Protein backbone atom coordinates (compact mmCIF):
# COMPACT_ATOMS: atom_id res chain seq x y z
CA MET A 1 17.07 29.59 -9.98
CA ASP A 2 16.22 26.86 -7.47
CA TYR A 3 15.95 26.90 -3.71
CA PHE A 4 19.14 26.08 -1.83
CA GLU A 5 20.22 25.67 1.79
CA VAL A 6 22.87 27.42 3.83
CA LYS A 7 23.99 26.27 7.25
CA VAL A 8 24.67 28.82 9.97
CA ARG A 9 25.20 27.98 13.66
CA ASP A 10 24.20 24.35 13.01
CA VAL A 11 20.83 25.39 11.53
CA ASN A 12 19.90 24.88 7.88
CA TYR A 13 18.10 27.80 6.24
CA LEU A 14 16.14 27.19 3.03
CA VAL A 15 16.82 30.14 0.72
CA ASN A 16 14.47 31.17 -2.07
CA PRO A 17 16.19 33.26 -4.77
CA MET A 18 14.03 35.47 -6.96
CA ILE A 19 14.40 38.26 -9.46
CA GLU A 20 12.36 41.43 -9.01
CA ALA A 21 12.85 44.50 -11.22
CA ASP A 22 16.17 43.05 -12.47
CA ASN A 23 17.45 42.67 -8.87
CA LEU A 24 18.40 39.29 -7.38
CA LEU A 25 16.72 38.90 -3.99
CA PHE A 26 16.70 36.09 -1.44
CA THR A 27 14.20 35.14 1.25
CA THR A 28 14.50 32.70 4.11
CA GLU A 29 12.75 32.08 7.41
CA VAL A 30 14.62 33.07 10.55
CA ASN A 31 13.02 32.46 13.95
CA GLY A 32 9.55 32.40 12.40
CA TYR A 33 10.06 35.60 10.36
CA GLU A 34 10.50 35.83 6.62
CA VAL A 35 13.66 37.83 5.96
CA LEU A 36 14.47 39.47 2.64
CA PHE A 37 18.11 39.82 1.57
CA ALA A 38 19.28 42.07 -1.25
CA THR A 39 22.55 43.45 -2.55
CA THR A 40 23.30 46.94 -1.30
CA GLY A 41 26.36 49.15 -1.60
CA ASP A 42 27.79 47.15 1.31
CA GLY A 43 27.13 43.70 -0.14
CA LEU A 44 24.26 41.33 0.64
CA GLN A 45 22.19 42.50 3.62
CA ALA A 46 18.83 41.90 5.27
CA ILE A 47 16.32 44.54 4.15
CA ASP A 48 14.04 45.95 6.89
CA PRO A 49 14.93 43.02 9.16
CA PRO A 50 12.57 41.90 11.91
CA ASP A 51 13.65 41.86 15.54
CA VAL A 52 16.22 39.08 15.02
CA ASP A 53 19.88 38.83 16.04
CA GLN A 54 21.64 41.14 13.58
CA GLU A 55 24.87 39.12 13.75
CA LEU A 56 22.92 36.00 12.74
CA LEU A 57 21.44 37.85 9.77
CA ALA A 58 24.92 39.02 8.73
CA GLU A 59 26.20 35.42 8.94
CA ILE A 60 23.29 34.16 6.83
CA ALA A 61 23.90 36.91 4.26
CA SER A 62 27.57 35.94 4.10
CA GLU A 63 26.70 32.27 3.54
CA ILE A 64 24.20 33.15 0.81
CA ASP A 65 26.82 35.35 -0.83
CA SER A 66 29.41 32.53 -0.63
CA TYR A 67 26.94 30.09 -2.16
CA MET A 68 26.38 32.41 -5.11
CA MET A 69 30.08 32.78 -5.90
């Protein structure tokens, strides 16, 4: 799967999808931090997120999820 971009709050985020142990994961850089997103029981979420706006991370996760549909 190739890189793709999602736009949240007028900022483009380059998303890198990858498969690890049969799980589809996504990484992107947010405010200088690499953030890992994975599917949980509650949908796509940031895993062990850095000190970044949690609402922003939820919006990015939603856009990634929408892209994948």
